[in-house]
């Protein structure tokens, strides 16, 4: 299975975090080393994809926020958006 096709469960992501973390006293069982690099690459790919989706969602919500005149909708969007990312004017 290619990296992009791997579906990682929350448990598997947790195991990857343990293996790549700094707490060597809390490692998962040895059999979880199987496909470690493939799953790590898949997790990083999924993270990159989610970041791109979040950036696009944030840009869309920002457009709605500035176009809309309703103060109630603006308050809801502002709560969902949070502070603007660094570098936005």
Protein backbone atom coordinates (compact mmCIF):
# COMPACT_ATOMS: atom_id res chain seq x y z
CA UNK A 1 0.00 0.00 0.00
CA UNK A 2 1.37 3.42 -0.92
CA UNK A 3 1.83 6.14 1.71
CA UNK A 4 -1.06 8.22 0.39
CA UNK A 5 -3.49 5.30 0.67
CA UNK A 6 -2.74 4.42 4.31
CA UNK A 7 -5.58 5.22 6.71
CA UNK A 8 -4.23 5.76 10.21
CA UNK A 9 -6.35 5.18 13.28
CA UNK A 10 -6.08 7.46 16.30
CA UNK A 11 -4.32 4.59 18.10
CA UNK A 12 -1.73 4.30 15.32
CA UNK A 13 -1.07 8.04 15.35
CA UNK A 14 -0.61 7.82 19.12
CA UNK A 15 1.91 4.95 18.67
CA UNK A 16 3.80 7.00 16.08
CA UNK A 17 3.94 9.92 18.49
CA UNK A 18 5.32 7.64 21.21
CA UNK A 19 7.99 6.18 18.92
CA UNK A 20 9.07 9.61 17.72
CA UNK A 21 8.70 11.29 21.10
CA UNK A 22 11.29 11.86 23.76
CA UNK A 23 9.80 9.70 26.52
CA UNK A 24 11.63 6.40 25.96
CA UNK A 25 10.11 4.91 29.10
CA UNK A 26 6.66 4.88 27.47
CA UNK A 27 7.26 3.11 24.15
CA UNK A 28 4.53 1.08 22.45
CA UNK A 29 4.99 -2.69 21.97
CA UNK A 30 7.76 -3.78 19.59
CA UNK A 31 5.31 -5.18 17.00
CA UNK A 32 4.15 -1.62 16.33
CA UNK A 33 7.50 -0.98 14.63
CA UNK A 34 6.08 -2.78 11.61
CA UNK A 35 5.52 -0.23 8.83
CA UNK A 36 6.73 2.57 11.10
CA UNK A 37 8.34 4.65 8.35
CA UNK A 38 5.43 4.10 5.91
CA UNK A 39 2.90 5.15 8.55
CA UNK A 40 5.00 8.14 9.59
CA UNK A 41 5.18 9.36 5.99
CA UNK A 42 1.41 8.81 5.65
CA UNK A 43 0.74 10.76 8.86
CA UNK A 44 2.90 13.65 7.71
CA UNK A 45 1.12 13.66 4.35
CA UNK A 46 -2.25 13.75 6.09
CA UNK A 47 -1.05 16.57 8.33
CA UNK A 48 0.08 18.57 5.30
CA UNK A 49 -3.27 17.98 3.58
CA UNK A 50 -5.23 19.04 6.67
CA UNK A 51 -3.12 22.18 7.01
CA UNK A 52 -3.90 23.09 3.40
CA UNK A 53 -7.61 22.46 3.96
CA UNK A 54 -7.58 24.56 7.13
CA UNK A 55 -5.83 27.40 5.30
CA UNK A 56 -8.46 27.30 2.55
CA UNK A 57 -11.30 27.17 5.09
CA UNK A 58 -9.82 30.07 7.01
CA UNK A 59 -9.50 32.13 3.82
CA UNK A 60 -13.13 31.39 2.88
CA UNK A 61 -14.39 32.25 6.36
CA UNK A 62 -12.38 35.45 6.33
CA UNK A 63 -13.99 36.47 3.04
CA UNK A 64 -17.47 35.83 4.47
CA UNK A 65 -16.58 37.75 7.62
CA UNK A 66 -15.57 40.90 5.75
CA UNK A 67 -18.38 40.75 3.17
CA UNK A 68 -21.25 40.06 5.56
CA UNK A 69 -23.08 42.93 7.28
CA UNK A 70 -24.75 40.91 10.04
CA UNK A 71 -23.01 41.51 13.36
CA UNK A 72 -24.26 38.17 14.71
CA UNK A 73 -22.66 36.25 11.85
CA UNK A 74 -19.51 38.31 12.25
CA UNK A 75 -19.30 37.45 15.96
CA UNK A 76 -19.76 33.74 15.21
CA UNK A 77 -17.11 33.78 12.49
CA UNK A 78 -14.69 35.74 14.64
CA UNK A 79 -15.09 33.17 17.40
CA UNK A 80 -14.44 30.32 14.97
CA UNK A 81 -11.51 32.02 13.25
CA UNK A 82 -9.65 33.17 16.31
CA UNK A 83 -6.71 35.50 15.95
CA UNK A 84 -5.41 36.15 12.43
CA UNK A 85 -2.33 34.16 11.41
CA UNK A 86 1.03 35.88 11.53
CA UNK A 87 1.73 37.91 8.42
CA UNK A 88 -1.92 38.82 7.67
CA UNK A 89 -2.60 42.50 7.47
